[in-house]
Amino acid sequence: MQKWPELNLSDDANKLLEELKARKQKWDKLKAIQPVFAIVTAAFVFFFIYTFYRKVLVISGGNALAILDLVISNPLFSGSLLISISLFLFTRNRMNQIEKAKSKYEDLRIEAIERLDTSWLKDVKSESRDQISSFLHQEYDINIVHKS
């Protein structure tokens, strides 16, 4: 566990701040890769729609049995359908993970703000809070100044 430089903090405060930092990093990591998954999913869905139109709807003429036969018999089309559905479900699951990580981070951030709540008068406690707040903001882009 990393000790916070030049801050006279208890072990509980150190653990709280370490967990806050870890949750922020996890949320940022999940958030950073999500656009890639969204773009890949959209590309496969558009490929599937285009392929479905060109290879199935145009050829079948609207006949439901012919559509079913063309969907099942073409391995490229069946594979793109399967990949599109899988990627869509995976991307949706990742979005849920991002939201969960965000809410965990925000809940702990609010808890840290409430624990470090101090008066507006300058004293030792407020100076410590100011040091902690500025360090977290500069090093990890974590805001514990206000809740919203």
N, C-alpha and C. Protein backbone atom coordinates (compact mmCIF):
# COMPACT_ATOMS: atom_id res chain seq x y z
N MET A 1 0.84 -1.19 0.00
CA MET A 1 0.00 0.00 0.00
C MET A 1 0.88 1.24 0.00
N GLN A 2 0.56 2.17 -0.87
CA GLN A 2 1.34 3.41 -1.01
C GLN A 2 0.96 4.38 0.10
N LYS A 3 1.94 4.98 0.71
CA LYS A 3 1.69 6.05 1.67
C LYS A 3 1.57 7.36 0.90
N TRP A 4 0.67 8.19 1.32
CA TRP A 4 0.45 9.44 0.62
C TRP A 4 1.55 10.41 1.05
N PRO A 5 2.26 10.99 0.11
CA PRO A 5 3.43 11.81 0.43
C PRO A 5 3.08 13.05 1.25
N GLU A 6 3.85 13.25 2.28
CA GLU A 6 3.78 14.44 3.13
C GLU A 6 2.40 14.71 3.71
N LEU A 7 1.55 13.70 3.78
CA LEU A 7 0.23 13.86 4.38
C LEU A 7 0.19 12.97 5.61
N ASN A 8 -0.14 13.55 6.71
CA ASN A 8 -0.20 12.82 7.96
C ASN A 8 -1.58 12.17 8.07
N LEU A 9 -1.71 10.95 7.51
CA LEU A 9 -3.01 10.29 7.44
C LEU A 9 -3.01 9.01 8.23
N SER A 10 -4.18 8.67 8.74
CA SER A 10 -4.34 7.40 9.45
C SER A 10 -4.36 6.26 8.44
N ASP A 11 -4.25 5.04 8.94
CA ASP A 11 -4.29 3.86 8.07
C ASP A 11 -5.64 3.75 7.36
N ASP A 12 -6.72 4.07 8.07
CA ASP A 12 -8.05 4.02 7.46
C ASP A 12 -8.15 5.00 6.29
N ALA A 13 -7.63 6.21 6.49
CA ALA A 13 -7.67 7.21 5.41
C ALA A 13 -6.82 6.75 4.23
N ASN A 14 -5.66 6.16 4.52
CA ASN A 14 -4.81 5.63 3.44
C ASN A 14 -5.54 4.56 2.64
N LYS A 15 -6.21 3.64 3.34
CA LYS A 15 -6.94 2.57 2.67
C LYS A 15 -8.09 3.14 1.83
N LEU A 16 -8.79 4.10 2.38
CA LEU A 16 -9.90 4.73 1.67
C LEU A 16 -9.40 5.40 0.39
N LEU A 17 -8.32 6.14 0.49
CA LEU A 17 -7.79 6.84 -0.67
C LEU A 17 -7.20 5.88 -1.70
N GLU A 18 -6.58 4.80 -1.26
CA GLU A 18 -6.06 3.79 -2.19
C GLU A 18 -7.22 3.13 -2.95
N GLU A 19 -8.28 2.80 -2.23
CA GLU A 19 -9.44 2.18 -2.88
C GLU A 19 -10.09 3.16 -3.86
N LEU A 20 -10.16 4.43 -3.47
CA LEU A 20 -10.71 5.45 -4.35
C LEU A 20 -9.89 5.55 -5.63
N LYS A 21 -8.58 5.54 -5.49
CA LYS A 21 -7.68 5.60 -6.65
C LYS A 21 -7.87 4.36 -7.53
N ALA A 22 -7.96 3.19 -6.92
CA ALA A 22 -8.12 1.95 -7.69
C ALA A 22 -9.45 1.94 -8.45
N ARG A 23 -10.50 2.39 -7.81
CA ARG A 23 -11.80 2.42 -8.48
C ARG A 23 -11.81 3.41 -9.64
N LYS A 24 -11.16 4.55 -9.45
CA LYS A 24 -11.08 5.54 -10.52
C LYS A 24 -10.30 4.97 -11.71
N GLN A 25 -9.20 4.29 -11.44
CA GLN A 25 -8.40 3.70 -12.52
C GLN A 25 -9.17 2.61 -13.25
N LYS A 26 -9.92 1.80 -12.53
CA LYS A 26 -10.72 0.75 -13.16
C LYS A 26 -11.79 1.36 -14.05
N TRP A 27 -12.46 2.39 -13.55
CA TRP A 27 -13.51 3.06 -14.34
C TRP A 27 -12.91 3.70 -15.59
N ASP A 28 -11.77 4.37 -15.45
CA ASP A 28 -11.12 5.00 -16.60
C ASP A 28 -10.70 3.96 -17.64
N LYS A 29 -10.19 2.82 -17.18
CA LYS A 29 -9.75 1.76 -18.09
C LYS A 29 -10.94 1.21 -18.88
N LEU A 30 -12.03 0.93 -18.18
CA LEU A 30 -13.22 0.43 -18.87
C LEU A 30 -13.77 1.46 -19.86
N LYS A 31 -13.77 2.71 -19.44
CA LYS A 31 -14.30 3.78 -20.26
C LYS A 31 -13.45 4.01 -21.51
N ALA A 32 -12.15 3.83 -21.39
CA ALA A 32 -11.24 4.12 -22.51
C ALA A 32 -11.40 3.13 -23.65
N ILE A 33 -11.67 1.87 -23.36
CA ILE A 33 -11.73 0.84 -24.41
C ILE A 33 -13.13 0.72 -25.01
N GLN A 34 -14.14 1.27 -24.38
CA GLN A 34 -15.51 1.10 -24.83
C GLN A 34 -15.77 1.60 -26.25
N PRO A 35 -15.24 2.74 -26.67
CA PRO A 35 -15.50 3.17 -28.05
C PRO A 35 -15.03 2.16 -29.11
N VAL A 36 -13.95 1.45 -28.83
CA VAL A 36 -13.47 0.45 -29.78
C VAL A 36 -14.51 -0.66 -29.94
N PHE A 37 -15.03 -1.14 -28.82
CA PHE A 37 -16.05 -2.19 -28.89
C PHE A 37 -17.31 -1.70 -29.59
N ALA A 38 -17.69 -0.46 -29.35
CA ALA A 38 -18.88 0.09 -29.98
C ALA A 38 -18.70 0.20 -31.50
N ILE A 39 -17.53 0.62 -31.93
CA ILE A 39 -17.27 0.76 -33.37
C ILE A 39 -17.24 -0.60 -34.05
N VAL A 40 -16.59 -1.58 -33.44
CA VAL A 40 -16.52 -2.93 -34.01
C VAL A 40 -17.92 -3.54 -34.09
N THR A 41 -18.70 -3.36 -33.03
CA THR A 41 -20.07 -3.88 -33.02
C THR A 41 -20.91 -3.23 -34.11
N ALA A 42 -20.82 -1.91 -34.23
CA ALA A 42 -21.58 -1.20 -35.26
C ALA A 42 -21.16 -1.66 -36.66
N ALA A 43 -19.88 -1.87 -36.88
CA ALA A 43 -19.40 -2.32 -38.19
C ALA A 43 -19.98 -3.70 -38.53
N PHE A 44 -19.96 -4.62 -37.57
CA PHE A 44 -20.51 -5.95 -37.84
C PHE A 44 -22.02 -5.89 -38.04
N VAL A 45 -22.72 -5.06 -37.30
CA VAL A 45 -24.18 -4.95 -37.47
C VAL A 45 -24.49 -4.38 -38.86
N PHE A 46 -23.77 -3.35 -39.27
CA PHE A 46 -24.01 -2.79 -40.60
C PHE A 46 -23.65 -3.78 -41.71
N PHE A 47 -22.57 -4.54 -41.50
CA PHE A 47 -22.21 -5.58 -42.46
C PHE A 47 -23.32 -6.62 -42.55
N PHE A 48 -23.86 -7.02 -41.41
CA PHE A 48 -24.95 -8.00 -41.38
C PHE A 48 -26.19 -7.45 -42.11
N ILE A 49 -26.55 -6.22 -41.82
CA ILE A 49 -27.74 -5.63 -42.47
C ILE A 49 -27.55 -5.55 -43.98
N TYR A 50 -26.38 -5.09 -44.39
CA TYR A 50 -26.10 -5.00 -45.83
C TYR A 50 -26.14 -6.38 -46.48
N THR A 51 -25.49 -7.35 -45.85
CA THR A 51 -25.47 -8.71 -46.38
C THR A 51 -26.88 -9.31 -46.40
N PHE A 52 -27.63 -9.07 -45.35
CA PHE A 52 -29.00 -9.58 -45.29
C PHE A 52 -29.83 -9.02 -46.44
N TYR A 53 -29.69 -7.73 -46.69
CA TYR A 53 -30.46 -7.12 -47.77
C TYR A 53 -30.04 -7.67 -49.13
N ARG A 54 -28.73 -7.69 -49.39
CA ARG A 54 -28.23 -8.10 -50.71
C ARG A 54 -28.38 -9.60 -50.97
N LYS A 55 -28.09 -10.41 -49.97
CA LYS A 55 -28.03 -11.87 -50.19
C LYS A 55 -29.33 -12.60 -49.85
N VAL A 56 -30.20 -11.96 -49.06
CA VAL A 56 -31.40 -12.67 -48.63
C VAL A 56 -32.67 -12.00 -49.13
N LEU A 57 -32.87 -10.74 -48.78
CA LEU A 57 -34.14 -10.10 -49.12
C LEU A 57 -34.34 -9.94 -50.62
N VAL A 58 -33.30 -9.52 -51.33
CA VAL A 58 -33.42 -9.32 -52.77
C VAL A 58 -33.66 -10.66 -53.48
N ILE A 59 -32.92 -11.68 -53.08
CA ILE A 59 -33.02 -12.98 -53.75
C ILE A 59 -34.33 -13.70 -53.41
N SER A 60 -34.76 -13.61 -52.16
CA SER A 60 -35.94 -14.38 -51.73
C SER A 60 -37.25 -13.78 -52.20
N GLY A 61 -37.29 -12.51 -52.45
CA GLY A 61 -38.53 -11.89 -52.91
C GLY A 61 -39.59 -11.82 -51.83
N GLY A 62 -39.20 -11.91 -50.56
CA GLY A 62 -40.15 -11.81 -49.47
C GLY A 62 -40.73 -13.13 -49.01
N ASN A 63 -40.37 -14.23 -49.62
CA ASN A 63 -40.86 -15.54 -49.23
C ASN A 63 -40.17 -15.96 -47.93
N ALA A 64 -40.94 -16.21 -46.88
CA ALA A 64 -40.39 -16.50 -45.55
C ALA A 64 -39.56 -17.78 -45.54
N LEU A 65 -40.00 -18.81 -46.23
CA LEU A 65 -39.24 -20.07 -46.26
C LEU A 65 -37.93 -19.89 -47.03
N ALA A 66 -37.98 -19.11 -48.09
CA ALA A 66 -36.76 -18.85 -48.86
C ALA A 66 -35.78 -18.02 -48.01
N ILE A 67 -36.29 -17.07 -47.23
CA ILE A 67 -35.44 -16.27 -46.34
C ILE A 67 -34.76 -17.17 -45.33
N LEU A 68 -35.53 -18.05 -44.70
CA LEU A 68 -34.98 -18.97 -43.71
C LEU A 68 -33.93 -19.89 -44.34
N ASP A 69 -34.22 -20.40 -45.53
CA ASP A 69 -33.27 -21.28 -46.21
C ASP A 69 -31.97 -20.54 -46.55
N LEU A 70 -32.09 -19.30 -47.04
CA LEU A 70 -30.89 -18.53 -47.38
C LEU A 70 -30.07 -18.16 -46.14
N VAL A 71 -30.75 -17.87 -45.04
CA VAL A 71 -30.05 -17.52 -43.80
C VAL A 71 -29.26 -18.71 -43.28
N ILE A 72 -29.88 -19.87 -43.27
CA ILE A 72 -29.24 -21.07 -42.72
C ILE A 72 -28.16 -21.61 -43.65
N SER A 73 -28.38 -21.55 -44.96
CA SER A 73 -27.45 -22.18 -45.91
C SER A 73 -26.17 -21.37 -46.15
N ASN A 74 -26.16 -20.08 -45.90
CA ASN A 74 -24.98 -19.26 -46.15
C ASN A 74 -24.14 -19.14 -44.88
N PRO A 75 -22.98 -19.79 -44.82
CA PRO A 75 -22.17 -19.76 -43.59
C PRO A 75 -21.64 -18.36 -43.27
N LEU A 76 -21.33 -17.57 -44.29
CA LEU A 76 -20.87 -16.20 -44.06
C LEU A 76 -21.96 -15.38 -43.38
N PHE A 77 -23.17 -15.54 -43.88
CA PHE A 77 -24.28 -14.78 -43.32
C PHE A 77 -24.61 -15.26 -41.91
N SER A 78 -24.65 -16.58 -41.72
CA SER A 78 -24.94 -17.11 -40.38
C SER A 78 -23.86 -16.69 -39.39
N GLY A 79 -22.62 -16.73 -39.81
CA GLY A 79 -21.51 -16.30 -38.95
C GLY A 79 -21.59 -14.83 -38.60
N SER A 80 -21.91 -13.99 -39.58
CA SER A 80 -22.00 -12.56 -39.29
C SER A 80 -23.18 -12.27 -38.36
N LEU A 81 -24.26 -13.03 -38.51
CA LEU A 81 -25.40 -12.88 -37.60
C LEU A 81 -24.99 -13.24 -36.18
N LEU A 82 -24.31 -14.37 -36.03
CA LEU A 82 -23.86 -14.82 -34.72
C LEU A 82 -22.87 -13.84 -34.10
N ILE A 83 -21.92 -13.38 -34.89
CA ILE A 83 -20.93 -12.41 -34.39
C ILE A 83 -21.59 -11.10 -34.00
N SER A 84 -22.53 -10.64 -34.82
CA SER A 84 -23.23 -9.38 -34.51
C SER A 84 -23.99 -9.47 -33.20
N ILE A 85 -24.70 -10.55 -33.01
CA ILE A 85 -25.46 -10.73 -31.77
C ILE A 85 -24.51 -10.84 -30.58
N SER A 86 -23.44 -11.60 -30.73
CA SER A 86 -22.47 -11.77 -29.64
C SER A 86 -21.80 -10.45 -29.28
N LEU A 87 -21.37 -9.72 -30.29
CA LEU A 87 -20.73 -8.42 -30.02
C LEU A 87 -21.70 -7.43 -29.38
N PHE A 88 -22.95 -7.45 -29.83
CA PHE A 88 -23.94 -6.55 -29.23
C PHE A 88 -24.13 -6.87 -27.75
N LEU A 89 -24.27 -8.16 -27.43
CA LEU A 89 -24.44 -8.56 -26.03
C LEU A 89 -23.20 -8.24 -25.20
N PHE A 90 -22.01 -8.48 -25.78
CA PHE A 90 -20.77 -8.17 -25.08
C PHE A 90 -20.64 -6.67 -24.81
N THR A 91 -20.96 -5.86 -25.82
CA THR A 91 -20.88 -4.40 -25.66
C THR A 91 -21.88 -3.91 -24.62
N ARG A 92 -23.07 -4.48 -24.63
CA ARG A 92 -24.06 -4.09 -23.63
C ARG A 92 -23.61 -4.48 -22.23
N ASN A 93 -22.98 -5.65 -22.10
CA ASN A 93 -22.45 -6.10 -20.82
C ASN A 93 -21.34 -5.15 -20.35
N ARG A 94 -20.48 -4.74 -21.27
CA ARG A 94 -19.40 -3.80 -20.93
C ARG A 94 -19.98 -2.46 -20.46
N MET A 95 -21.05 -2.02 -21.09
CA MET A 95 -21.69 -0.76 -20.67
C MET A 95 -22.22 -0.90 -19.24
N ASN A 96 -22.78 -2.05 -18.92
CA ASN A 96 -23.25 -2.28 -17.55
C ASN A 96 -22.09 -2.29 -16.57
N GLN A 97 -20.96 -2.89 -16.97
CA GLN A 97 -19.77 -2.89 -16.11
C GLN A 97 -19.26 -1.47 -15.90
N ILE A 98 -19.29 -0.65 -16.94
CA ILE A 98 -18.84 0.74 -16.82
C ILE A 98 -19.73 1.50 -15.85
N GLU A 99 -21.03 1.32 -15.98
CA GLU A 99 -21.96 2.01 -15.08
C GLU A 99 -21.77 1.55 -13.63
N LYS A 100 -21.56 0.26 -13.45
CA LYS A 100 -21.34 -0.29 -12.10
C LYS A 100 -20.04 0.27 -11.51
N ALA A 101 -18.97 0.30 -12.31
CA ALA A 101 -17.69 0.84 -11.84
C ALA A 101 -17.83 2.33 -11.51
N LYS A 102 -18.58 3.04 -12.33
CA LYS A 102 -18.79 4.48 -12.08
C LYS A 102 -19.55 4.70 -10.78
N SER A 103 -20.60 3.93 -10.57
CA SER A 103 -21.39 4.12 -9.35
C SER A 103 -20.58 3.74 -8.10
N LYS A 104 -19.76 2.68 -8.19
CA LYS A 104 -18.91 2.32 -7.06
C LYS A 104 -17.90 3.43 -6.77
N TYR A 105 -17.30 3.97 -7.82
CA TYR A 105 -16.35 5.06 -7.66
C TYR A 105 -17.03 6.28 -7.05
N GLU A 106 -18.18 6.66 -7.60
CA GLU A 106 -18.89 7.85 -7.11
C GLU A 106 -19.34 7.68 -5.66
N ASP A 107 -19.81 6.48 -5.31
CA ASP A 107 -20.23 6.24 -3.92
C ASP A 107 -19.05 6.40 -2.96
N LEU A 108 -17.92 5.85 -3.32
CA LEU A 108 -16.74 5.96 -2.45
C LEU A 108 -16.20 7.38 -2.43
N ARG A 109 -16.29 8.08 -3.55
CA ARG A 109 -15.85 9.48 -3.61
C ARG A 109 -16.70 10.34 -2.67
N ILE A 110 -18.01 10.12 -2.68
CA ILE A 110 -18.90 10.86 -1.80
C ILE A 110 -18.62 10.51 -0.34
N GLU A 111 -18.35 9.24 -0.08
CA GLU A 111 -18.00 8.84 1.28
C GLU A 111 -16.71 9.53 1.73
N ALA A 112 -15.74 9.64 0.84
CA ALA A 112 -14.50 10.33 1.18
C ALA A 112 -14.75 11.81 1.45
N ILE A 113 -15.61 12.41 0.66
CA ILE A 113 -15.95 13.82 0.87
C ILE A 113 -16.61 14.00 2.23
N GLU A 114 -17.54 13.10 2.57
CA GLU A 114 -18.23 13.22 3.85
C GLU A 114 -17.29 12.98 5.02
N ARG A 115 -16.36 12.05 4.87
CA ARG A 115 -15.40 11.80 5.95
C ARG A 115 -14.44 12.96 6.16
N LEU A 116 -14.10 13.62 5.08
CA LEU A 116 -13.16 14.72 5.17
C LEU A 116 -13.86 16.07 5.32
N ASP A 117 -15.15 16.02 5.57
CA ASP A 117 -15.92 17.25 5.71
C ASP A 117 -15.36 18.08 6.86
N THR A 118 -15.23 19.34 6.61
CA THR A 118 -14.63 20.23 7.60
C THR A 118 -15.31 21.60 7.54
N SER A 119 -15.02 22.42 8.50
CA SER A 119 -15.60 23.75 8.51
C SER A 119 -14.86 24.63 7.50
N TRP A 120 -15.41 25.82 7.31
CA TRP A 120 -14.81 26.75 6.38
C TRP A 120 -13.69 27.56 7.02
N LEU A 121 -13.55 27.41 8.31
CA LEU A 121 -12.49 28.13 9.00
C LEU A 121 -11.17 27.39 8.82
N LYS A 122 -10.11 28.14 8.66
CA LYS A 122 -8.82 27.52 8.43
C LYS A 122 -8.25 27.01 9.74
N ASP A 123 -7.97 25.72 9.79
CA ASP A 123 -7.32 25.09 10.93
C ASP A 123 -6.51 23.90 10.42
N VAL A 124 -6.00 23.10 11.32
CA VAL A 124 -5.16 21.97 10.93
C VAL A 124 -5.95 20.97 10.09
N LYS A 125 -7.20 20.72 10.48
CA LYS A 125 -8.03 19.76 9.77
C LYS A 125 -8.32 20.24 8.34
N SER A 126 -8.60 21.52 8.19
CA SER A 126 -8.90 22.03 6.85
C SER A 126 -7.65 22.05 5.98
N GLU A 127 -6.51 22.30 6.56
CA GLU A 127 -5.27 22.28 5.79
C GLU A 127 -4.97 20.85 5.30
N SER A 128 -5.20 19.87 6.15
CA SER A 128 -5.00 18.47 5.75
C SER A 128 -5.94 18.11 4.61
N ARG A 129 -7.19 18.53 4.74
CA ARG A 129 -8.16 18.25 3.68
C ARG A 129 -7.73 18.92 2.38
N ASP A 130 -7.26 20.16 2.46
CA ASP A 130 -6.81 20.85 1.26
C ASP A 130 -5.63 20.13 0.61
N GLN A 131 -4.71 19.63 1.41
CA GLN A 131 -3.56 18.91 0.87
C GLN A 131 -4.00 17.61 0.19
N ILE A 132 -4.88 16.87 0.85
CA ILE A 132 -5.39 15.62 0.29
C ILE A 132 -6.13 15.89 -1.02
N SER A 133 -6.99 16.89 -0.98
CA SER A 133 -7.79 17.23 -2.15
C SER A 133 -6.92 17.64 -3.34
N SER A 134 -5.95 18.51 -3.11
CA SER A 134 -5.12 18.96 -4.23
C SER A 134 -4.23 17.83 -4.75
N PHE A 135 -3.71 16.98 -3.86
CA PHE A 135 -2.89 15.86 -4.29
C PHE A 135 -3.69 14.90 -5.15
N LEU A 136 -4.89 14.51 -4.71
CA LEU A 136 -5.72 13.58 -5.48
C LEU A 136 -6.11 14.17 -6.84
N HIS A 137 -6.39 15.47 -6.85
CA HIS A 137 -6.79 16.10 -8.11
C HIS A 137 -5.62 16.17 -9.08
N GLN A 138 -4.44 16.53 -8.60
CA GLN A 138 -3.28 16.66 -9.48
C GLN A 138 -2.77 15.31 -9.97
N GLU A 139 -2.68 14.33 -9.09
CA GLU A 139 -2.07 13.05 -9.44
C GLU A 139 -3.03 12.09 -10.16
N TYR A 140 -4.30 12.07 -9.75
CA TYR A 140 -5.21 11.03 -10.25
C TYR A 140 -6.50 11.58 -10.85
N ASP A 141 -6.64 12.90 -10.92
CA ASP A 141 -7.84 13.53 -11.45
C ASP A 141 -9.10 13.07 -10.69
N ILE A 142 -8.99 13.03 -9.36
CA ILE A 142 -10.10 12.66 -8.50
C ILE A 142 -10.55 13.89 -7.74
N ASN A 143 -11.82 14.22 -7.85
CA ASN A 143 -12.37 15.40 -7.22
C ASN A 143 -13.04 15.02 -5.89
N ILE A 144 -12.48 15.52 -4.79
CA ILE A 144 -13.16 15.32 -3.50
C ILE A 144 -13.50 16.67 -2.88
N VAL A 145 -13.59 17.70 -3.70
CA VAL A 145 -13.95 19.02 -3.19
C VAL A 145 -15.46 19.13 -3.03
N HIS A 146 -16.21 18.66 -4.04
CA HIS A 146 -17.65 18.71 -3.95
C HIS A 146 -18.26 17.43 -4.50
N LYS A 147 -19.50 17.14 -4.12
CA LYS A 147 -20.12 15.86 -4.42
C LYS A 147 -20.64 15.76 -5.85
N SER A 148 -21.19 16.82 -6.40
CA SER A 148 -21.80 16.70 -7.72
C SER A 148 -20.91 17.13 -8.84
